[in-house]
Amino acid sequence: MNTEIIDAGRAMSGGYKVDVSRRANVDRVSSEWFSRPDDERYLSLYDLFASVKTRAEQSRTRTVASAAIRVEAHRDNPERLGLILPDTDEPIASTHWSFAQLSSLEGAPADYLLRLPAPLAGINLQHRLTNHRTEQIKTMEVANGRTELRAVTGPDYGRIYDHELVSAVQRIAGNVTGETRWKVPGVLD
């Protein structure tokens, strides 16, 4: 069997090229990058790598029984929900993503719950957590000033951390300086 691999995206030098003949102007990428807070706007892959590596070092994953999770409205703001995980005393803030993951694992429609007032959404989610079949879930919590629930998955979920992906991109694309093949909106020429 003869196999021929045609990779039109690579130049003979091994680098990737942008096809300027298409003239696609993607302003959304630049506007999203510029609208980020300063601590989320990276000018190099080294800076991005250092940030996501630190986040990974400040995180922990653990497997807990979903029935052991308590949902409560924040004391300071009753319109925000907090999750109290086993072996913790303080509510943990969930991200939009982790709330949707938890809701999905418990069979609750996240898009519906997110439109409800927080106390009502909390009651509904708590009902699903305590009355749904007891199952194990894996959490990823990040403590960088405040503890935040970043992901909720099944117990067998394998995790690839962001710094591992950034490291792979660095090996392929460089680092936004000199011979790089990687550009961020803040340094496009």
N, C-alpha and C. Protein backbone atom coordinates (compact mmCIF):
# COMPACT_ATOMS: atom_id res chain seq x y z
N MET A 1 0.84 -1.17 0.00
CA MET A 1 0.00 0.00 0.00
C MET A 1 0.89 1.24 0.00
N ASN A 2 0.64 2.17 -0.90
CA ASN A 2 1.38 3.42 -0.96
C ASN A 2 0.55 4.51 -0.29
N THR A 3 1.21 5.25 0.55
CA THR A 3 0.54 6.35 1.24
C THR A 3 1.29 7.63 0.96
N GLU A 4 0.56 8.63 0.54
CA GLU A 4 1.17 9.93 0.29
C GLU A 4 0.50 10.93 1.22
N ILE A 5 1.31 11.66 1.97
CA ILE A 5 0.78 12.65 2.88
C ILE A 5 1.01 14.02 2.27
N ILE A 6 -0.06 14.73 2.09
CA ILE A 6 0.03 16.07 1.53
C ILE A 6 -0.36 17.04 2.63
N ASP A 7 0.55 17.90 3.00
CA ASP A 7 0.31 18.88 4.05
C ASP A 7 0.50 20.26 3.45
N ALA A 8 -0.58 20.82 2.92
CA ALA A 8 -0.49 22.10 2.24
C ALA A 8 -0.31 23.26 3.19
N GLY A 9 -0.52 23.04 4.49
CA GLY A 9 -0.41 24.13 5.46
C GLY A 9 1.02 24.44 5.84
N ARG A 10 1.98 23.64 5.46
CA ARG A 10 3.36 23.85 5.87
C ARG A 10 4.21 24.32 4.70
N ALA A 11 5.08 25.23 4.99
CA ALA A 11 6.03 25.69 3.98
C ALA A 11 7.20 24.70 3.95
N MET A 12 8.05 24.81 2.98
CA MET A 12 9.19 23.90 2.87
C MET A 12 10.12 24.02 4.07
N SER A 13 10.13 25.18 4.72
CA SER A 13 11.02 25.37 5.87
C SER A 13 10.52 24.66 7.11
N GLY A 14 9.31 24.11 7.04
CA GLY A 14 8.76 23.42 8.20
C GLY A 14 7.83 24.32 9.01
N GLY A 15 7.79 25.61 8.70
CA GLY A 15 6.93 26.52 9.43
C GLY A 15 5.54 26.59 8.83
N TYR A 16 4.62 27.12 9.56
CA TYR A 16 3.26 27.30 9.07
C TYR A 16 3.13 28.69 8.49
N LYS A 17 2.35 28.83 7.43
CA LYS A 17 2.16 30.11 6.78
C LYS A 17 0.70 30.51 6.84
N VAL A 18 0.48 31.80 6.83
CA VAL A 18 -0.86 32.34 6.76
C VAL A 18 -1.17 32.60 5.30
N ASP A 19 -2.32 32.15 4.85
CA ASP A 19 -2.74 32.37 3.47
C ASP A 19 -3.35 33.76 3.37
N VAL A 20 -2.55 34.76 2.97
CA VAL A 20 -3.02 36.14 2.92
C VAL A 20 -3.96 36.39 1.76
N SER A 21 -4.04 35.46 0.80
CA SER A 21 -4.94 35.66 -0.33
C SER A 21 -6.41 35.57 0.10
N ARG A 22 -6.66 34.95 1.22
CA ARG A 22 -8.04 34.82 1.70
C ARG A 22 -8.55 36.13 2.29
N ARG A 23 -7.68 36.94 2.79
CA ARG A 23 -8.01 38.27 3.33
C ARG A 23 -9.15 38.23 4.34
N ALA A 24 -9.15 37.25 5.20
CA ALA A 24 -10.17 37.20 6.24
C ALA A 24 -9.71 38.07 7.40
N ASN A 25 -10.54 39.01 7.79
CA ASN A 25 -10.21 39.88 8.90
C ASN A 25 -11.02 39.42 10.10
N VAL A 26 -10.35 38.87 11.07
CA VAL A 26 -11.02 38.33 12.24
C VAL A 26 -10.82 39.30 13.39
N ASP A 27 -11.66 40.31 13.43
CA ASP A 27 -11.55 41.32 14.48
C ASP A 27 -11.97 40.78 15.84
N ARG A 28 -12.83 39.77 15.85
CA ARG A 28 -13.33 39.25 17.11
C ARG A 28 -12.19 38.75 17.99
N VAL A 29 -11.20 38.11 17.39
CA VAL A 29 -10.07 37.59 18.17
C VAL A 29 -9.34 38.73 18.86
N SER A 30 -9.04 39.79 18.12
CA SER A 30 -8.35 40.93 18.71
C SER A 30 -9.19 41.60 19.78
N SER A 31 -10.47 41.80 19.52
CA SER A 31 -11.30 42.49 20.50
C SER A 31 -11.46 41.66 21.78
N GLU A 32 -11.56 40.35 21.64
CA GLU A 32 -11.63 39.51 22.83
C GLU A 32 -10.33 39.56 23.62
N TRP A 33 -9.20 39.55 22.91
CA TRP A 33 -7.91 39.61 23.59
C TRP A 33 -7.74 40.94 24.31
N PHE A 34 -8.05 42.04 23.65
CA PHE A 34 -7.87 43.36 24.25
C PHE A 34 -8.86 43.63 25.38
N SER A 35 -10.01 42.95 25.39
CA SER A 35 -10.99 43.19 26.44
C SER A 35 -10.71 42.36 27.69
N ARG A 36 -9.73 41.50 27.65
CA ARG A 36 -9.40 40.70 28.83
C ARG A 36 -8.71 41.57 29.89
N PRO A 37 -8.81 41.18 31.15
CA PRO A 37 -8.06 41.90 32.19
C PRO A 37 -6.56 41.77 31.93
N ASP A 38 -5.78 42.71 32.44
CA ASP A 38 -4.33 42.71 32.21
C ASP A 38 -3.68 41.38 32.59
N ASP A 39 -4.16 40.75 33.67
CA ASP A 39 -3.54 39.50 34.11
C ASP A 39 -3.95 38.30 33.27
N GLU A 40 -4.76 38.50 32.24
CA GLU A 40 -5.14 37.43 31.32
C GLU A 40 -4.74 37.74 29.89
N ARG A 41 -3.92 38.77 29.69
CA ARG A 41 -3.49 39.17 28.35
C ARG A 41 -1.99 38.89 28.26
N TYR A 42 -1.64 37.82 27.60
CA TYR A 42 -0.25 37.38 27.55
C TYR A 42 0.39 37.78 26.23
N LEU A 43 1.59 38.33 26.30
CA LEU A 43 2.30 38.75 25.10
C LEU A 43 3.26 37.68 24.60
N SER A 44 3.42 36.62 25.36
CA SER A 44 4.28 35.54 24.90
C SER A 44 3.75 34.22 25.45
N LEU A 45 4.14 33.16 24.79
CA LEU A 45 3.75 31.84 25.27
C LEU A 45 4.44 31.50 26.58
N TYR A 46 5.62 32.08 26.82
CA TYR A 46 6.30 31.86 28.11
C TYR A 46 5.46 32.43 29.25
N ASP A 47 4.91 33.63 29.06
CA ASP A 47 4.06 34.23 30.09
C ASP A 47 2.80 33.39 30.31
N LEU A 48 2.18 32.95 29.22
CA LEU A 48 1.00 32.11 29.32
C LEU A 48 1.33 30.80 30.04
N PHE A 49 2.46 30.19 29.66
CA PHE A 49 2.88 28.94 30.29
C PHE A 49 3.06 29.12 31.79
N ALA A 50 3.76 30.20 32.19
CA ALA A 50 4.00 30.44 33.61
C ALA A 50 2.70 30.60 34.38
N SER A 51 1.73 31.28 33.80
CA SER A 51 0.45 31.50 34.46
C SER A 51 -0.34 30.21 34.62
N VAL A 52 -0.47 29.43 33.55
CA VAL A 52 -1.27 28.20 33.63
C VAL A 52 -0.55 27.12 34.43
N LYS A 53 0.78 27.15 34.45
CA LYS A 53 1.54 26.20 35.28
C LYS A 53 1.29 26.51 36.76
N THR A 54 1.31 27.80 37.12
CA THR A 54 1.03 28.21 38.49
C THR A 54 -0.38 27.80 38.89
N ARG A 55 -1.35 28.01 37.98
CA ARG A 55 -2.72 27.61 38.28
C ARG A 55 -2.80 26.11 38.54
N ALA A 56 -2.11 25.32 37.74
CA ALA A 56 -2.13 23.86 37.92
C ALA A 56 -1.51 23.48 39.27
N GLU A 57 -0.45 24.19 39.66
CA GLU A 57 0.20 23.90 40.94
C GLU A 57 -0.69 24.28 42.12
N GLN A 58 -1.58 25.26 41.93
CA GLN A 58 -2.47 25.70 42.99
C GLN A 58 -3.78 24.93 43.00
N SER A 59 -3.92 23.96 42.11
CA SER A 59 -5.18 23.22 42.01
C SER A 59 -5.06 21.86 42.68
N ARG A 60 -6.22 21.31 42.93
CA ARG A 60 -6.27 19.93 43.41
C ARG A 60 -7.49 19.27 42.79
N THR A 61 -7.37 18.00 42.54
CA THR A 61 -8.50 17.22 42.07
C THR A 61 -8.81 16.18 43.12
N ARG A 62 -10.07 15.89 43.26
CA ARG A 62 -10.47 14.85 44.19
C ARG A 62 -11.80 14.27 43.75
N THR A 63 -12.07 13.08 44.21
CA THR A 63 -13.31 12.40 43.89
C THR A 63 -14.20 12.42 45.12
N VAL A 64 -15.43 12.88 44.94
CA VAL A 64 -16.38 12.99 46.05
C VAL A 64 -17.72 12.39 45.62
N ALA A 65 -18.53 12.05 46.60
CA ALA A 65 -19.89 11.57 46.32
C ALA A 65 -20.75 12.79 46.03
N SER A 66 -21.49 12.75 44.94
CA SER A 66 -22.31 13.91 44.58
C SER A 66 -23.37 14.20 45.64
N ALA A 67 -23.86 13.18 46.33
CA ALA A 67 -24.88 13.39 47.37
C ALA A 67 -24.32 14.15 48.58
N ALA A 68 -23.00 14.20 48.72
CA ALA A 68 -22.38 14.89 49.85
C ALA A 68 -22.16 16.38 49.60
N ILE A 69 -22.49 16.85 48.40
CA ILE A 69 -22.32 18.27 48.07
C ILE A 69 -23.55 19.04 48.53
N ARG A 70 -23.33 20.18 49.19
CA ARG A 70 -24.43 21.04 49.60
C ARG A 70 -24.41 22.31 48.77
N VAL A 71 -25.59 22.78 48.40
CA VAL A 71 -25.73 24.01 47.62
C VAL A 71 -26.37 25.05 48.52
N GLU A 72 -25.77 26.24 48.57
CA GLU A 72 -26.38 27.31 49.37
C GLU A 72 -26.13 28.66 48.72
N ALA A 73 -27.04 29.58 49.01
CA ALA A 73 -26.86 30.95 48.54
C ALA A 73 -25.78 31.60 49.39
N HIS A 74 -24.98 32.47 48.78
CA HIS A 74 -23.93 33.18 49.52
C HIS A 74 -24.56 34.07 50.60
N ARG A 75 -23.87 34.18 51.72
CA ARG A 75 -24.38 35.04 52.78
C ARG A 75 -24.40 36.51 52.36
N ASP A 76 -23.36 36.93 51.64
CA ASP A 76 -23.25 38.33 51.22
C ASP A 76 -24.16 38.66 50.05
N ASN A 77 -24.39 37.68 49.18
CA ASN A 77 -25.17 37.92 47.97
C ASN A 77 -26.07 36.71 47.73
N PRO A 78 -27.34 36.81 48.13
CA PRO A 78 -28.23 35.64 47.99
C PRO A 78 -28.51 35.25 46.54
N GLU A 79 -28.10 36.08 45.60
CA GLU A 79 -28.30 35.74 44.19
C GLU A 79 -27.13 34.94 43.62
N ARG A 80 -26.13 34.62 44.43
CA ARG A 80 -25.01 33.78 43.99
C ARG A 80 -25.02 32.49 44.78
N LEU A 81 -24.81 31.40 44.09
CA LEU A 81 -24.77 30.10 44.74
C LEU A 81 -23.35 29.71 45.09
N GLY A 82 -23.21 29.01 46.18
CA GLY A 82 -21.92 28.42 46.55
C GLY A 82 -22.12 26.93 46.75
N LEU A 83 -21.09 26.18 46.52
CA LEU A 83 -21.13 24.74 46.72
C LEU A 83 -20.22 24.39 47.88
N ILE A 84 -20.72 23.62 48.81
CA ILE A 84 -19.91 23.17 49.93
C ILE A 84 -19.59 21.71 49.68
N LEU A 85 -18.32 21.45 49.41
CA LEU A 85 -17.86 20.10 49.12
C LEU A 85 -17.48 19.40 50.42
N PRO A 86 -17.45 18.09 50.43
CA PRO A 86 -17.04 17.37 51.63
C PRO A 86 -15.66 17.84 52.12
N ASP A 87 -15.50 17.89 53.42
CA ASP A 87 -14.24 18.29 54.08
C ASP A 87 -13.91 19.76 53.88
N THR A 88 -14.89 20.59 53.55
CA THR A 88 -14.68 22.04 53.49
C THR A 88 -15.78 22.71 54.29
N ASP A 89 -15.46 23.87 54.85
CA ASP A 89 -16.43 24.62 55.64
C ASP A 89 -17.01 25.79 54.88
N GLU A 90 -16.22 26.34 53.96
CA GLU A 90 -16.63 27.53 53.23
C GLU A 90 -17.18 27.15 51.85
N PRO A 91 -18.17 27.90 51.39
CA PRO A 91 -18.68 27.65 50.03
C PRO A 91 -17.61 27.94 48.98
N ILE A 92 -17.61 27.14 47.95
CA ILE A 92 -16.69 27.32 46.83
C ILE A 92 -17.48 27.89 45.67
N ALA A 93 -16.96 28.95 45.07
CA ALA A 93 -17.62 29.54 43.91
C ALA A 93 -17.40 28.64 42.70
N SER A 94 -18.45 28.43 41.95
CA SER A 94 -18.29 27.63 40.73
C SER A 94 -18.21 28.57 39.54
N THR A 95 -17.50 28.15 38.53
CA THR A 95 -17.51 28.89 37.27
C THR A 95 -18.78 28.51 36.52
N HIS A 96 -19.10 29.27 35.51
CA HIS A 96 -20.26 28.96 34.67
C HIS A 96 -20.10 27.55 34.10
N TRP A 97 -18.87 27.23 33.67
CA TRP A 97 -18.56 25.93 33.07
C TRP A 97 -18.76 24.80 34.07
N SER A 98 -18.19 24.94 35.29
CA SER A 98 -18.29 23.85 36.26
C SER A 98 -19.72 23.66 36.75
N PHE A 99 -20.49 24.75 36.86
CA PHE A 99 -21.90 24.64 37.24
C PHE A 99 -22.66 23.84 36.18
N ALA A 100 -22.40 24.13 34.92
CA ALA A 100 -23.06 23.40 33.84
C ALA A 100 -22.63 21.93 33.84
N GLN A 101 -21.36 21.66 34.12
CA GLN A 101 -20.90 20.27 34.17
C GLN A 101 -21.59 19.50 35.30
N LEU A 102 -21.65 20.12 36.48
CA LEU A 102 -22.29 19.47 37.62
C LEU A 102 -23.77 19.22 37.34
N SER A 103 -24.44 20.22 36.80
CA SER A 103 -25.86 20.07 36.47
C SER A 103 -26.07 18.94 35.48
N SER A 104 -25.23 18.88 34.46
CA SER A 104 -25.35 17.84 33.43
C SER A 104 -25.14 16.45 34.02
N LEU A 105 -24.12 16.31 34.87
CA LEU A 105 -23.87 15.00 35.48
C LEU A 105 -25.04 14.54 36.34
N GLU A 106 -25.75 15.48 36.92
CA GLU A 106 -26.88 15.14 37.78
C GLU A 106 -28.20 15.09 37.03
N GLY A 107 -28.17 15.34 35.72
CA GLY A 107 -29.38 15.26 34.92
C GLY A 107 -30.28 16.47 35.06
N ALA A 108 -29.73 17.58 35.51
CA ALA A 108 -30.50 18.82 35.64
C ALA A 108 -30.14 19.73 34.47
N PRO A 109 -31.13 20.37 33.84
CA PRO A 109 -30.83 21.23 32.70
C PRO A 109 -30.17 22.54 33.14
N ALA A 110 -28.87 22.67 32.88
CA ALA A 110 -28.11 23.84 33.33
C ALA A 110 -28.65 25.14 32.75
N ASP A 111 -29.02 25.14 31.48
CA ASP A 111 -29.50 26.39 30.87
C ASP A 111 -30.79 26.86 31.56
N TYR A 112 -31.62 25.93 32.01
CA TYR A 112 -32.83 26.29 32.75
C TYR A 112 -32.47 26.80 34.14
N LEU A 113 -31.60 26.08 34.85
CA LEU A 113 -31.22 26.48 36.21
C LEU A 113 -30.57 27.86 36.23
N LEU A 114 -29.78 28.17 35.21
CA LEU A 114 -29.09 29.45 35.18
C LEU A 114 -30.05 30.63 34.98
N ARG A 115 -31.25 30.36 34.49
CA ARG A 115 -32.24 31.43 34.30
C ARG A 115 -33.12 31.64 35.53
N LEU A 116 -33.06 30.71 36.48
CA LEU A 116 -33.87 30.82 37.70
C LEU A 116 -33.19 31.74 38.70
N PRO A 117 -33.96 32.32 39.64
CA PRO A 117 -33.32 33.02 40.75
C PRO A 117 -32.43 32.03 41.51
N ALA A 118 -31.29 32.51 42.00
CA ALA A 118 -30.30 31.62 42.62
C ALA A 118 -30.87 30.72 43.71
N PRO A 119 -31.69 31.24 44.64
CA PRO A 119 -32.20 30.33 45.68
C PRO A 119 -33.04 29.18 45.11
N LEU A 120 -33.84 29.46 44.09
CA LEU A 120 -34.66 28.42 43.47
C LEU A 120 -33.79 27.43 42.69
N ALA A 121 -32.79 27.94 41.98
CA ALA A 121 -31.86 27.05 41.27
C ALA A 121 -31.11 26.17 42.27
N GLY A 122 -30.73 26.75 43.40
CA GLY A 122 -30.03 25.98 44.43
C GLY A 122 -30.87 24.87 44.99
N ILE A 123 -32.16 25.15 45.24
CA ILE A 123 -33.07 24.12 45.75
C ILE A 123 -33.20 22.98 44.74
N ASN A 124 -33.36 23.33 43.48
CA ASN A 124 -33.50 22.30 42.44
C ASN A 124 -32.24 21.46 42.28
N LEU A 125 -31.08 22.12 42.26
CA LEU A 125 -29.83 21.37 42.12
C LEU A 125 -29.58 20.51 43.35
N GLN A 126 -29.88 21.03 44.55
CA GLN A 126 -29.70 20.24 45.77
C GLN A 126 -30.59 19.00 45.74
N HIS A 127 -31.81 19.16 45.25
CA HIS A 127 -32.71 18.01 45.13
C HIS A 127 -32.10 16.94 44.22
N ARG A 128 -31.55 17.35 43.08
CA ARG A 128 -30.94 16.38 42.16
C ARG A 128 -29.71 15.72 42.80
N LEU A 129 -28.91 16.51 43.51
CA LEU A 129 -27.70 15.95 44.13
C LEU A 129 -28.05 14.91 45.19
N THR A 130 -29.07 15.17 45.99
CA THR A 130 -29.39 14.24 47.08
C THR A 130 -30.31 13.11 46.66
N ASN A 131 -31.12 13.28 45.63
CA ASN A 131 -32.08 12.25 45.25
C ASN A 131 -31.71 11.49 43.98
N HIS A 132 -30.72 11.96 43.27
CA HIS A 132 -30.24 11.25 42.08
C HIS A 132 -29.41 10.08 42.58
N ARG A 133 -29.20 9.10 41.73
CA ARG A 133 -28.38 7.98 42.18
C ARG A 133 -27.04 8.50 42.70
N THR A 134 -26.61 8.00 43.80
CA THR A 134 -25.34 8.45 44.37
C THR A 134 -24.22 8.01 43.46
N GLU A 135 -23.47 8.95 43.00
CA GLU A 135 -22.34 8.61 42.15
C GLU A 135 -21.15 9.47 42.53
N GLN A 136 -20.02 8.99 42.13
CA GLN A 136 -18.78 9.72 42.39
C GLN A 136 -18.54 10.72 41.27
N ILE A 137 -18.04 11.89 41.63
CA ILE A 137 -17.65 12.88 40.64
C ILE A 137 -16.25 13.37 40.99
N LYS A 138 -15.54 13.83 39.99
CA LYS A 138 -14.19 14.37 40.19
C LYS A 138 -14.27 15.88 40.08
N THR A 139 -13.69 16.56 41.06
CA THR A 139 -13.68 18.02 41.03
C THR A 139 -12.26 18.52 40.80
N MET A 140 -12.15 19.68 40.21
CA MET A 140 -10.87 20.38 40.10
C MET A 140 -11.08 21.74 40.74
N GLU A 141 -10.40 21.97 41.84
CA GLU A 141 -10.52 23.21 42.60
C GLU A 141 -9.21 23.97 42.51
N VAL A 142 -9.30 25.28 42.30
CA VAL A 142 -8.11 26.12 42.20
C VAL A 142 -8.18 27.14 43.33
N ALA A 143 -7.12 27.24 44.10
CA ALA A 143 -7.04 28.21 45.20
C ALA A 143 -5.99 29.25 44.88
N ASN A 144 -6.40 30.35 44.29
CA ASN A 144 -5.47 31.45 44.00
C ASN A 144 -6.06 32.74 44.55
N GLY A 145 -6.05 32.87 45.86
CA GLY A 145 -6.69 34.00 46.51
C GLY A 145 -8.06 33.60 47.03
N ARG A 146 -8.84 32.95 46.21
CA ARG A 146 -10.11 32.37 46.62
C ARG A 146 -10.22 31.02 45.94
N THR A 147 -10.90 30.11 46.59
CA THR A 147 -11.05 28.77 46.01
C THR A 147 -12.21 28.80 45.02
N GLU A 148 -11.97 28.25 43.86
CA GLU A 148 -12.95 28.25 42.78
C GLU A 148 -13.04 26.85 42.20
N LEU A 149 -14.25 26.40 41.98
CA LEU A 149 -14.48 25.10 41.34
C LEU A 149 -14.39 25.31 39.84
N ARG A 150 -13.36 24.75 39.20
CA ARG A 150 -13.11 24.98 37.78
C ARG A 150 -13.66 23.88 36.88
N ALA A 151 -13.84 22.65 37.42
CA ALA A 151 -14.32 21.56 36.58
C ALA A 151 -14.98 20.49 37.45
N VAL A 152 -16.00 19.86 36.89
CA VAL A 152 -16.68 18.72 37.52
C VAL A 152 -16.84 17.67 36.43
N THR A 153 -16.25 16.51 36.64
CA THR A 153 -16.27 15.46 35.62
C THR A 153 -16.58 14.11 36.27
N GLY A 154 -16.64 13.10 35.44
CA GLY A 154 -16.80 11.75 35.96
C GLY A 154 -15.51 11.31 36.65
N PRO A 155 -15.59 10.29 37.50
CA PRO A 155 -14.42 9.89 38.29
C PRO A 155 -13.27 9.32 37.46
N ASP A 156 -13.54 8.85 36.26
CA ASP A 156 -12.50 8.25 35.44
C ASP A 156 -11.89 9.23 34.43
N TYR A 157 -12.28 10.48 34.51
CA TYR A 157 -11.82 11.48 33.55
C TYR A 157 -10.32 11.74 33.73
N GLY A 158 -9.58 11.66 32.63
CA GLY A 158 -8.16 11.99 32.66
C GLY A 158 -7.98 13.46 32.35
N ARG A 159 -7.10 14.11 33.04
CA ARG A 159 -6.93 15.56 32.87
C ARG A 159 -5.63 15.87 32.15
N ILE A 160 -5.73 16.76 31.17
CA ILE A 160 -4.56 17.34 30.53
C ILE A 160 -4.57 18.81 30.92
N TYR A 161 -3.54 19.24 31.59
CA TYR A 161 -3.49 20.61 32.07
C TYR A 161 -3.10 21.57 30.95
N ASP A 162 -3.55 22.82 31.09
CA ASP A 162 -3.29 23.84 30.07
C ASP A 162 -1.80 24.01 29.80
N HIS A 163 -0.96 23.94 30.84
CA HIS A 163 0.48 24.14 30.63
C HIS A 163 1.08 23.05 29.74
N GLU A 164 0.49 21.86 29.74
CA GLU A 164 0.98 20.80 28.86
C GLU A 164 0.68 21.14 27.40
N LEU A 165 -0.48 21.73 27.14
CA LEU A 165 -0.84 22.15 25.79
C LEU A 165 0.03 23.32 25.33
N VAL A 166 0.23 24.29 26.21
CA VAL A 166 1.06 25.45 25.85
C VAL A 166 2.48 25.00 25.55
N SER A 167 2.99 24.07 26.32
CA SER A 167 4.33 23.55 26.09
C SER A 167 4.44 22.90 24.71
N ALA A 168 3.41 22.16 24.32
CA ALA A 168 3.41 21.53 22.99
C ALA A 168 3.38 22.59 21.89
N VAL A 169 2.59 23.65 22.08
CA VAL A 169 2.54 24.73 21.10
C VAL A 169 3.89 25.43 21.02
N GLN A 170 4.55 25.63 22.15
CA GLN A 170 5.87 26.26 22.15
C GLN A 170 6.88 25.45 21.34
N ARG A 171 6.81 24.13 21.44
CA ARG A 171 7.74 23.29 20.68
C ARG A 171 7.50 23.42 19.18
N ILE A 172 6.27 23.67 18.78
CA ILE A 172 5.93 23.78 17.36
C ILE A 172 6.11 25.20 16.85
N ALA A 173 5.66 26.17 17.62
CA ALA A 173 5.50 27.52 17.09
C ALA A 173 6.47 28.56 17.62
N GLY A 174 7.31 28.25 18.55
CA GLY A 174 8.20 29.28 19.09
C GLY A 174 7.53 30.02 20.23
N ASN A 175 7.89 31.30 20.39
CA ASN A 175 7.39 32.03 21.54
C ASN A 175 7.09 33.50 21.29
N VAL A 176 6.74 33.91 20.13
CA VAL A 176 6.36 35.27 19.81
C VAL A 176 7.56 36.21 19.69
N THR A 177 8.74 35.71 19.72
CA THR A 177 9.91 36.57 19.56
C THR A 177 10.80 35.97 18.48
N GLY A 178 11.52 36.80 17.77
CA GLY A 178 12.47 36.31 16.77
C GLY A 178 11.84 35.49 15.68
N GLU A 179 12.23 34.22 15.59
CA GLU A 179 11.83 33.35 14.48
C GLU A 179 10.44 32.76 14.65
N THR A 180 9.68 33.24 15.55
CA THR A 180 8.41 32.61 15.90
C THR A 180 7.43 32.49 14.74
N ARG A 181 6.57 31.52 14.87
CA ARG A 181 5.45 31.35 13.95
C ARG A 181 4.15 31.55 14.71
N TRP A 182 4.22 32.11 15.88
CA TRP A 182 3.07 32.32 16.73
C TRP A 182 2.91 33.81 16.98
N LYS A 183 1.70 34.31 16.83
CA LYS A 183 1.44 35.72 17.06
C LYS A 183 0.23 35.86 17.98
N VAL A 184 0.28 36.83 18.86
CA VAL A 184 -0.89 37.18 19.66
C VAL A 184 -1.37 38.54 19.19
N PRO A 185 -2.65 38.86 19.37
CA PRO A 185 -3.17 40.13 18.86
C PRO A 185 -2.39 41.35 19.32
N GLY A 186 -1.81 41.32 20.49
CA GLY A 186 -1.08 42.48 20.99
C GLY A 186 0.21 42.77 20.26
N VAL A 187 0.72 41.82 19.48
CA VAL A 187 2.00 42.04 18.78
C VAL A 187 1.92 41.72 17.29
N LEU A 188 0.72 41.70 16.73
CA LEU A 188 0.60 41.44 15.30
C LEU A 188 1.23 42.57 14.52
N ASP A 189 1.90 42.24 13.41
CA ASP A 189 2.50 43.28 12.58
C ASP A 189 1.76 43.40 11.27
